[in-house]
Amino acid sequence: MGKILNITGGILVAVLLFSSCSESSCTESTVADASALFYTKSPHAALTFDSISVKGIGQISDSMLLNKSKKVKSLSLPLRIKSDTTAFEIRFYRSNSATLDKTDTVRVFHQVRPQYLSPDCGCSVFYHIDSVAYTHHRIDTIKIKQPEIINQNEEHLQILF
């Protein structure tokens, strides 16, 4: 009888232990990229590019984010965690052609803000955009609309042409 109680007790303890463990309940994003949308300067209206390429510059292995992508209205720009500056090269191609038209460079100066979310989510990295520098080959102006980057559902930069 004592042996049956020990086995039953062991099974009960195991069931309680395993039932208290749960899948991660983290619903928050731990990655926040800068969101940039394209606009015409005058009149101020949304703009779509036929074909552009975007790559990160200044890394050991530069990263291609878009490669001659079609019908581009916005960009999701990942910022560096270990630096306060992130640079991108944007190549604009002629309509219905693979011929390069113009290339601009965009530098985003930012602060890195690590934030503890919860035991399930761990830490996330948010950013604050201080300023933006850019060439003017095709880009006219870049406006910082929302400097705090805490989620990707907001418009952080407006790129005007």
N, C-alpha and C. Protein backbone atom coordinates (compact mmCIF):
# COMPACT_ATOMS: atom_id res chain seq x y z
N MET A 1 0.82 -1.20 0.00
CA MET A 1 0.00 0.00 0.00
C MET A 1 0.86 1.25 0.00
N GLY A 2 1.95 1.22 0.77
CA GLY A 2 2.84 2.36 0.85
C GLY A 2 3.52 2.65 -0.48
N LYS A 3 3.81 1.54 -1.19
CA LYS A 3 4.44 1.68 -2.51
C LYS A 3 3.50 2.36 -3.50
N ILE A 4 2.22 2.01 -3.46
CA ILE A 4 1.22 2.61 -4.36
C ILE A 4 1.05 4.09 -4.05
N LEU A 5 1.07 4.46 -2.76
CA LEU A 5 0.96 5.87 -2.38
C LEU A 5 2.18 6.66 -2.86
N ASN A 6 3.36 6.06 -2.75
CA ASN A 6 4.57 6.73 -3.22
C ASN A 6 4.52 6.97 -4.72
N ILE A 7 4.08 5.96 -5.47
CA ILE A 7 3.98 6.09 -6.94
C ILE A 7 2.92 7.13 -7.29
N THR A 8 1.76 7.05 -6.63
CA THR A 8 0.68 8.01 -6.88
C THR A 8 1.12 9.42 -6.51
N GLY A 9 1.81 9.55 -5.40
CA GLY A 9 2.32 10.87 -4.97
C GLY A 9 3.34 11.41 -5.96
N GLY A 10 4.20 10.54 -6.46
CA GLY A 10 5.20 10.96 -7.45
C GLY A 10 4.56 11.42 -8.74
N ILE A 11 3.54 10.68 -9.18
CA ILE A 11 2.82 11.06 -10.39
C ILE A 11 2.11 12.39 -10.18
N LEU A 12 1.49 12.58 -9.03
CA LEU A 12 0.79 13.82 -8.73
C LEU A 12 1.75 15.01 -8.73
N VAL A 13 2.91 14.87 -8.12
CA VAL A 13 3.91 15.94 -8.11
C VAL A 13 4.38 16.25 -9.53
N ALA A 14 4.62 15.22 -10.32
CA ALA A 14 5.06 15.43 -11.71
C ALA A 14 3.99 16.16 -12.52
N VAL A 15 2.73 15.78 -12.35
CA VAL A 15 1.63 16.45 -13.07
C VAL A 15 1.55 17.91 -12.67
N LEU A 16 1.66 18.19 -11.39
CA LEU A 16 1.61 19.58 -10.91
C LEU A 16 2.77 20.41 -11.45
N LEU A 17 3.95 19.82 -11.46
CA LEU A 17 5.12 20.54 -11.97
C LEU A 17 4.99 20.86 -13.46
N PHE A 18 4.60 19.85 -14.24
CA PHE A 18 4.49 20.06 -15.68
C PHE A 18 3.32 20.95 -16.06
N SER A 19 2.24 20.91 -15.28
CA SER A 19 1.09 21.76 -15.61
C SER A 19 1.36 23.21 -15.26
N SER A 20 2.30 23.48 -14.36
CA SER A 20 2.60 24.87 -14.01
C SER A 20 3.52 25.51 -15.04
N CYS A 21 4.20 24.70 -15.85
CA CYS A 21 5.03 25.24 -16.91
C CYS A 21 4.13 25.63 -18.08
N SER A 22 4.40 26.77 -18.69
CA SER A 22 3.56 27.19 -19.80
C SER A 22 4.42 27.67 -20.94
N GLU A 23 3.79 27.76 -22.10
CA GLU A 23 4.47 28.34 -23.24
C GLU A 23 4.72 29.82 -22.94
N SER A 24 5.67 30.39 -23.63
CA SER A 24 5.95 31.81 -23.44
C SER A 24 4.70 32.63 -23.73
N SER A 25 4.39 33.53 -22.83
CA SER A 25 3.21 34.37 -23.02
C SER A 25 3.61 35.76 -23.51
N CYS A 26 4.77 35.86 -24.11
CA CYS A 26 5.24 37.14 -24.62
C CYS A 26 4.51 37.50 -25.90
N THR A 27 3.80 38.59 -25.87
CA THR A 27 3.08 39.05 -27.06
C THR A 27 3.70 40.34 -27.60
N GLU A 28 4.71 40.85 -26.94
CA GLU A 28 5.32 42.10 -27.36
C GLU A 28 6.48 41.83 -28.32
N SER A 29 6.65 42.74 -29.28
CA SER A 29 7.77 42.63 -30.21
C SER A 29 9.04 43.07 -29.50
N THR A 30 10.12 42.33 -29.71
CA THR A 30 11.39 42.72 -29.11
C THR A 30 12.29 43.38 -30.14
N VAL A 31 11.77 43.61 -31.34
CA VAL A 31 12.52 44.27 -32.39
C VAL A 31 11.71 45.47 -32.87
N ALA A 32 12.37 46.62 -32.94
CA ALA A 32 11.70 47.82 -33.43
C ALA A 32 12.58 48.47 -34.49
N ASP A 33 12.14 48.45 -35.73
CA ASP A 33 12.85 49.09 -36.83
C ASP A 33 12.25 50.47 -37.08
N ALA A 34 13.04 51.33 -37.71
CA ALA A 34 12.53 52.64 -38.11
C ALA A 34 11.68 52.46 -39.36
N SER A 35 10.51 53.04 -39.35
CA SER A 35 9.60 52.97 -40.49
C SER A 35 9.68 54.29 -41.26
N ALA A 36 9.94 54.21 -42.56
CA ALA A 36 10.05 55.41 -43.40
C ALA A 36 9.08 55.28 -44.57
N LEU A 37 8.29 56.33 -44.78
CA LEU A 37 7.33 56.34 -45.89
C LEU A 37 7.72 57.41 -46.89
N PHE A 38 7.40 57.18 -48.17
CA PHE A 38 7.73 58.09 -49.25
C PHE A 38 6.57 59.02 -49.56
N TYR A 39 6.91 60.30 -49.84
CA TYR A 39 5.90 61.31 -50.18
C TYR A 39 6.45 62.25 -51.26
N THR A 40 5.53 62.83 -52.01
CA THR A 40 5.91 63.96 -52.87
C THR A 40 5.93 65.19 -51.98
N LYS A 41 6.79 66.13 -52.31
CA LYS A 41 6.91 67.33 -51.47
C LYS A 41 5.71 68.26 -51.66
N SER A 42 5.35 68.50 -52.92
CA SER A 42 4.23 69.41 -53.17
C SER A 42 3.46 68.91 -54.38
N PRO A 43 2.24 68.56 -54.27
CA PRO A 43 1.48 68.49 -53.02
C PRO A 43 1.92 67.28 -52.19
N HIS A 44 1.75 67.36 -50.88
CA HIS A 44 2.15 66.29 -49.97
C HIS A 44 1.23 65.09 -50.18
N ALA A 45 1.75 64.06 -50.87
CA ALA A 45 0.95 62.87 -51.17
C ALA A 45 1.84 61.64 -51.12
N ALA A 46 1.26 60.49 -50.79
CA ALA A 46 2.00 59.24 -50.74
C ALA A 46 2.60 58.93 -52.11
N LEU A 47 3.77 58.32 -52.11
CA LEU A 47 4.50 58.04 -53.34
C LEU A 47 4.94 56.58 -53.35
N THR A 48 4.86 55.95 -54.52
CA THR A 48 5.31 54.57 -54.69
C THR A 48 6.39 54.55 -55.76
N PHE A 49 7.49 53.85 -55.47
CA PHE A 49 8.57 53.73 -56.45
C PHE A 49 8.46 52.42 -57.21
N ASP A 50 8.72 52.49 -58.51
CA ASP A 50 8.66 51.30 -59.36
C ASP A 50 9.71 50.28 -58.96
N SER A 51 10.94 50.75 -58.70
CA SER A 51 12.02 49.82 -58.40
C SER A 51 13.12 50.51 -57.59
N ILE A 52 13.40 49.96 -56.40
CA ILE A 52 14.51 50.49 -55.59
C ILE A 52 15.25 49.34 -54.92
N SER A 53 16.49 49.64 -54.56
CA SER A 53 17.29 48.73 -53.74
C SER A 53 17.75 49.50 -52.52
N VAL A 54 17.83 48.82 -51.39
CA VAL A 54 18.29 49.45 -50.14
C VAL A 54 19.25 48.50 -49.47
N LYS A 55 20.39 49.04 -49.04
CA LYS A 55 21.33 48.20 -48.30
C LYS A 55 21.93 49.01 -47.16
N GLY A 56 22.25 48.29 -46.09
CA GLY A 56 22.96 48.91 -44.98
C GLY A 56 24.42 49.06 -45.35
N ILE A 57 25.04 50.15 -44.94
CA ILE A 57 26.46 50.35 -45.27
C ILE A 57 27.28 50.54 -43.99
N GLY A 58 28.57 50.17 -44.10
CA GLY A 58 29.48 50.36 -42.99
C GLY A 58 29.59 49.16 -42.06
N GLN A 59 29.02 48.06 -42.41
CA GLN A 59 29.13 46.85 -41.61
C GLN A 59 30.22 45.97 -42.21
N ILE A 60 30.60 44.94 -41.47
CA ILE A 60 31.59 43.99 -41.99
C ILE A 60 31.05 43.35 -43.27
N SER A 61 29.82 42.89 -43.23
CA SER A 61 29.18 42.40 -44.44
C SER A 61 27.91 43.24 -44.64
N ASP A 62 27.97 44.14 -45.59
CA ASP A 62 26.83 45.02 -45.83
C ASP A 62 25.59 44.20 -46.14
N SER A 63 24.48 44.69 -45.68
CA SER A 63 23.26 43.91 -45.81
C SER A 63 22.33 44.51 -46.85
N MET A 64 21.86 43.68 -47.75
CA MET A 64 20.88 44.08 -48.76
C MET A 64 19.50 43.89 -48.16
N LEU A 65 18.78 45.00 -47.97
CA LEU A 65 17.43 44.94 -47.40
C LEU A 65 16.37 44.77 -48.48
N LEU A 66 16.54 45.46 -49.59
CA LEU A 66 15.67 45.32 -50.76
C LEU A 66 16.57 45.25 -51.99
N ASN A 67 16.23 44.40 -52.94
CA ASN A 67 17.03 44.28 -54.15
C ASN A 67 16.12 44.45 -55.37
N LYS A 68 16.11 45.65 -55.91
CA LYS A 68 15.27 46.00 -57.06
C LYS A 68 13.81 45.61 -56.81
N SER A 69 13.36 45.92 -55.62
CA SER A 69 11.96 45.62 -55.25
C SER A 69 11.02 46.54 -55.98
N LYS A 70 9.86 46.02 -56.32
CA LYS A 70 8.86 46.75 -57.11
C LYS A 70 7.77 47.32 -56.21
N LYS A 71 7.20 48.43 -56.64
CA LYS A 71 6.04 49.05 -55.97
C LYS A 71 6.30 49.28 -54.48
N VAL A 72 7.36 50.01 -54.17
CA VAL A 72 7.76 50.24 -52.79
C VAL A 72 7.19 51.57 -52.30
N LYS A 73 6.43 51.52 -51.19
CA LYS A 73 5.82 52.70 -50.59
C LYS A 73 6.51 53.11 -49.30
N SER A 74 7.20 52.13 -48.68
CA SER A 74 7.80 52.39 -47.37
C SER A 74 9.01 51.49 -47.16
N LEU A 75 9.78 51.84 -46.15
CA LEU A 75 10.96 51.05 -45.79
C LEU A 75 10.92 50.70 -44.31
N SER A 76 11.40 49.53 -43.97
CA SER A 76 11.62 49.15 -42.59
C SER A 76 13.13 49.09 -42.41
N LEU A 77 13.66 50.04 -41.65
CA LEU A 77 15.11 50.20 -41.54
C LEU A 77 15.62 49.73 -40.18
N PRO A 78 16.33 48.61 -40.13
CA PRO A 78 16.88 48.14 -38.85
C PRO A 78 18.06 49.01 -38.43
N LEU A 79 18.04 49.48 -37.20
CA LEU A 79 19.12 50.33 -36.69
C LEU A 79 20.11 49.48 -35.90
N ARG A 80 21.34 49.94 -35.84
CA ARG A 80 22.39 49.20 -35.15
C ARG A 80 22.23 49.30 -33.63
N ILE A 81 22.52 48.20 -32.99
CA ILE A 81 22.45 48.15 -31.53
C ILE A 81 23.75 48.65 -30.91
N LYS A 82 24.88 48.38 -31.56
CA LYS A 82 26.19 48.69 -30.97
C LYS A 82 26.79 49.99 -31.48
N SER A 83 25.95 50.85 -32.06
CA SER A 83 26.44 52.11 -32.60
C SER A 83 25.34 53.15 -32.48
N ASP A 84 25.72 54.41 -32.54
CA ASP A 84 24.72 55.48 -32.49
C ASP A 84 24.44 56.06 -33.88
N THR A 85 24.98 55.41 -34.92
CA THR A 85 24.74 55.83 -36.30
C THR A 85 24.51 54.60 -37.17
N THR A 86 23.50 54.69 -38.02
CA THR A 86 23.24 53.62 -38.99
C THR A 86 23.08 54.27 -40.36
N ALA A 87 23.77 53.72 -41.36
CA ALA A 87 23.73 54.31 -42.70
C ALA A 87 23.13 53.33 -43.70
N PHE A 88 22.43 53.91 -44.68
CA PHE A 88 21.78 53.13 -45.73
C PHE A 88 22.06 53.77 -47.08
N GLU A 89 22.13 52.93 -48.11
CA GLU A 89 22.22 53.39 -49.48
C GLU A 89 20.91 53.02 -50.17
N ILE A 90 20.28 54.02 -50.78
CA ILE A 90 19.03 53.78 -51.50
C ILE A 90 19.29 54.03 -52.98
N ARG A 91 19.07 53.00 -53.80
CA ARG A 91 19.26 53.12 -55.24
C ARG A 91 17.90 53.16 -55.93
N PHE A 92 17.71 54.18 -56.74
CA PHE A 92 16.46 54.36 -57.47
C PHE A 92 16.71 53.98 -58.93
N TYR A 93 15.84 53.14 -59.47
CA TYR A 93 15.98 52.69 -60.86
C TYR A 93 14.92 53.35 -61.73
N ARG A 94 15.24 53.50 -62.99
CA ARG A 94 14.29 54.08 -63.94
C ARG A 94 13.05 53.19 -64.05
N SER A 95 11.92 53.80 -64.34
CA SER A 95 10.67 53.05 -64.46
C SER A 95 10.78 51.97 -65.52
N ASN A 96 10.31 50.79 -65.19
CA ASN A 96 10.29 49.64 -66.11
C ASN A 96 11.67 49.33 -66.70
N SER A 97 12.70 49.51 -65.87
CA SER A 97 14.06 49.29 -66.37
C SER A 97 14.95 48.86 -65.21
N ALA A 98 16.03 48.18 -65.54
CA ALA A 98 17.03 47.83 -64.53
C ALA A 98 18.14 48.86 -64.49
N THR A 99 17.96 49.98 -65.24
CA THR A 99 18.98 51.02 -65.32
C THR A 99 18.94 51.89 -64.07
N LEU A 100 20.09 52.02 -63.43
CA LEU A 100 20.20 52.85 -62.24
C LEU A 100 19.99 54.31 -62.60
N ASP A 101 19.14 55.00 -61.85
CA ASP A 101 18.87 56.41 -62.08
C ASP A 101 19.71 57.25 -61.12
N LYS A 102 19.44 57.17 -59.83
CA LYS A 102 20.17 57.96 -58.83
C LYS A 102 20.36 57.12 -57.57
N THR A 103 21.35 57.52 -56.76
CA THR A 103 21.62 56.86 -55.49
C THR A 103 21.74 57.91 -54.40
N ASP A 104 21.08 57.70 -53.28
CA ASP A 104 21.20 58.57 -52.11
C ASP A 104 21.69 57.76 -50.93
N THR A 105 22.38 58.45 -50.02
CA THR A 105 22.83 57.85 -48.77
C THR A 105 22.10 58.54 -47.63
N VAL A 106 21.61 57.74 -46.69
CA VAL A 106 20.88 58.25 -45.53
C VAL A 106 21.60 57.77 -44.28
N ARG A 107 21.90 58.71 -43.37
CA ARG A 107 22.51 58.37 -42.08
C ARG A 107 21.55 58.76 -40.97
N VAL A 108 21.22 57.79 -40.13
CA VAL A 108 20.33 58.02 -39.00
C VAL A 108 21.18 58.04 -37.73
N PHE A 109 21.16 59.16 -37.02
CA PHE A 109 21.87 59.31 -35.76
C PHE A 109 20.85 59.04 -34.65
N HIS A 110 21.15 58.08 -33.79
CA HIS A 110 20.16 57.62 -32.83
C HIS A 110 20.78 57.23 -31.50
N GLN A 111 19.94 57.15 -30.49
CA GLN A 111 20.33 56.63 -29.18
C GLN A 111 19.72 55.24 -29.03
N VAL A 112 20.49 54.34 -28.47
CA VAL A 112 20.01 52.98 -28.22
C VAL A 112 19.44 52.94 -26.81
N ARG A 113 18.22 52.41 -26.68
CA ARG A 113 17.56 52.37 -25.37
C ARG A 113 17.07 50.96 -25.06
N PRO A 114 17.94 50.15 -24.42
CA PRO A 114 17.49 48.81 -24.03
C PRO A 114 16.41 48.92 -22.95
N GLN A 115 15.45 48.02 -23.00
CA GLN A 115 14.35 48.07 -22.04
C GLN A 115 13.96 46.66 -21.64
N TYR A 116 13.87 46.44 -20.34
CA TYR A 116 13.40 45.16 -19.83
C TYR A 116 11.89 45.12 -19.97
N LEU A 117 11.37 44.08 -20.61
CA LEU A 117 9.93 43.96 -20.82
C LEU A 117 9.26 43.10 -19.75
N SER A 118 9.71 41.85 -19.61
CA SER A 118 9.11 40.93 -18.65
C SER A 118 9.97 39.66 -18.61
N PRO A 119 9.70 38.78 -17.63
CA PRO A 119 10.46 37.52 -17.61
C PRO A 119 10.27 36.69 -18.88
N ASP A 120 9.05 36.68 -19.44
CA ASP A 120 8.80 35.90 -20.66
C ASP A 120 9.44 36.54 -21.88
N CYS A 121 9.38 37.88 -21.98
CA CYS A 121 9.87 38.57 -23.18
C CYS A 121 11.36 38.92 -23.10
N GLY A 122 11.88 39.04 -21.91
CA GLY A 122 13.27 39.45 -21.77
C GLY A 122 13.44 40.93 -22.07
N CYS A 123 14.52 41.27 -22.78
CA CYS A 123 14.81 42.67 -23.09
C CYS A 123 14.51 42.97 -24.55
N SER A 124 14.22 44.22 -24.79
CA SER A 124 14.02 44.72 -26.14
C SER A 124 14.91 45.93 -26.32
N VAL A 125 15.17 46.28 -27.56
CA VAL A 125 15.97 47.47 -27.84
C VAL A 125 15.09 48.47 -28.58
N PHE A 126 14.91 49.62 -27.99
CA PHE A 126 14.19 50.72 -28.61
C PHE A 126 15.21 51.79 -28.96
N TYR A 127 14.79 52.78 -29.74
CA TYR A 127 15.70 53.83 -30.19
C TYR A 127 15.04 55.20 -30.09
N HIS A 128 15.89 56.22 -30.09
CA HIS A 128 15.43 57.60 -30.22
C HIS A 128 16.24 58.21 -31.37
N ILE A 129 15.57 58.72 -32.38
CA ILE A 129 16.26 59.34 -33.51
C ILE A 129 16.60 60.77 -33.13
N ASP A 130 17.89 61.10 -33.18
CA ASP A 130 18.35 62.46 -32.88
C ASP A 130 18.31 63.33 -34.12
N SER A 131 18.82 62.80 -35.24
CA SER A 131 18.84 63.56 -36.48
C SER A 131 19.08 62.62 -37.65
N VAL A 132 18.90 63.16 -38.85
CA VAL A 132 19.10 62.39 -40.08
C VAL A 132 19.88 63.26 -41.06
N ALA A 133 20.92 62.68 -41.66
CA ALA A 133 21.69 63.37 -42.70
C ALA A 133 21.53 62.56 -43.99
N TYR A 134 21.52 63.24 -45.14
CA TYR A 134 21.26 62.54 -46.39
C TYR A 134 21.79 63.36 -47.56
N THR A 135 22.03 62.65 -48.66
CA THR A 135 22.42 63.33 -49.89
C THR A 135 21.14 63.76 -50.61
N HIS A 136 21.29 64.62 -51.60
CA HIS A 136 20.12 65.20 -52.28
C HIS A 136 20.08 64.87 -53.77
N HIS A 137 20.52 63.68 -54.15
CA HIS A 137 20.48 63.32 -55.57
C HIS A 137 19.05 63.09 -56.05
N ARG A 138 18.27 62.42 -55.23
CA ARG A 138 16.85 62.21 -55.54
C ARG A 138 15.98 62.68 -54.38
N ILE A 139 16.49 62.50 -53.16
CA ILE A 139 15.75 62.90 -51.96
C ILE A 139 15.81 64.42 -51.80
N ASP A 140 14.66 65.02 -51.52
CA ASP A 140 14.60 66.45 -51.24
C ASP A 140 14.76 66.72 -49.75
N THR A 141 13.96 66.05 -48.93
CA THR A 141 13.94 66.29 -47.49
C THR A 141 13.59 64.99 -46.76
N ILE A 142 14.14 64.84 -45.56
CA ILE A 142 13.69 63.77 -44.67
C ILE A 142 13.26 64.43 -43.37
N LYS A 143 12.01 64.18 -42.98
CA LYS A 143 11.45 64.73 -41.75
C LYS A 143 11.33 63.62 -40.71
N ILE A 144 11.67 63.96 -39.48
CA ILE A 144 11.46 63.02 -38.38
C ILE A 144 10.05 63.27 -37.85
N LYS A 145 9.18 62.31 -38.08
CA LYS A 145 7.79 62.46 -37.64
C LYS A 145 7.61 61.97 -36.21
N GLN A 146 8.21 60.83 -35.89
CA GLN A 146 8.13 60.25 -34.54
C GLN A 146 9.52 59.76 -34.16
N PRO A 147 10.24 60.51 -33.29
CA PRO A 147 11.62 60.12 -32.98
C PRO A 147 11.75 58.88 -32.09
N GLU A 148 10.72 58.56 -31.33
CA GLU A 148 10.78 57.38 -30.46
C GLU A 148 10.38 56.14 -31.24
N ILE A 149 11.31 55.19 -31.33
CA ILE A 149 11.04 53.94 -32.05
C ILE A 149 10.81 52.85 -31.01
N ILE A 150 9.53 52.60 -30.73
CA ILE A 150 9.18 51.55 -29.77
C ILE A 150 8.30 50.48 -30.41
N ASN A 151 7.76 50.78 -31.58
CA ASN A 151 7.06 49.74 -32.34
C ASN A 151 7.08 50.11 -33.81
N GLN A 152 6.80 49.13 -34.66
CA GLN A 152 6.90 49.33 -36.10
C GLN A 152 5.60 49.79 -36.73
N ASN A 153 4.58 49.98 -35.94
CA ASN A 153 3.30 50.40 -36.49
C ASN A 153 3.19 51.91 -36.60
N GLU A 154 4.24 52.62 -36.32
CA GLU A 154 4.24 54.07 -36.41
C GLU A 154 5.12 54.51 -37.58
N GLU A 155 4.85 55.69 -38.06
CA GLU A 155 5.68 56.29 -39.10
C GLU A 155 6.75 57.14 -38.42
N HIS A 156 8.01 56.75 -38.55
CA HIS A 156 9.09 57.47 -37.89
C HIS A 156 9.71 58.54 -38.79
N LEU A 157 9.87 58.22 -40.06
CA LEU A 157 10.50 59.15 -41.00
C LEU A 157 9.60 59.35 -42.22
N GLN A 158 9.62 60.58 -42.73
CA GLN A 158 8.95 60.89 -44.00
C GLN A 158 10.05 61.30 -44.98
N ILE A 159 10.15 60.59 -46.09
CA ILE A 159 11.15 60.91 -47.11
C ILE A 159 10.41 61.59 -48.26
N LEU A 160 10.74 62.86 -48.51
CA LEU A 160 10.05 63.65 -49.52
C LEU A 160 10.90 63.82 -50.77
N PHE A 161 10.22 63.78 -51.92
CA PHE A 161 10.88 63.90 -53.22
C PHE A 161 10.27 65.04 -54.02
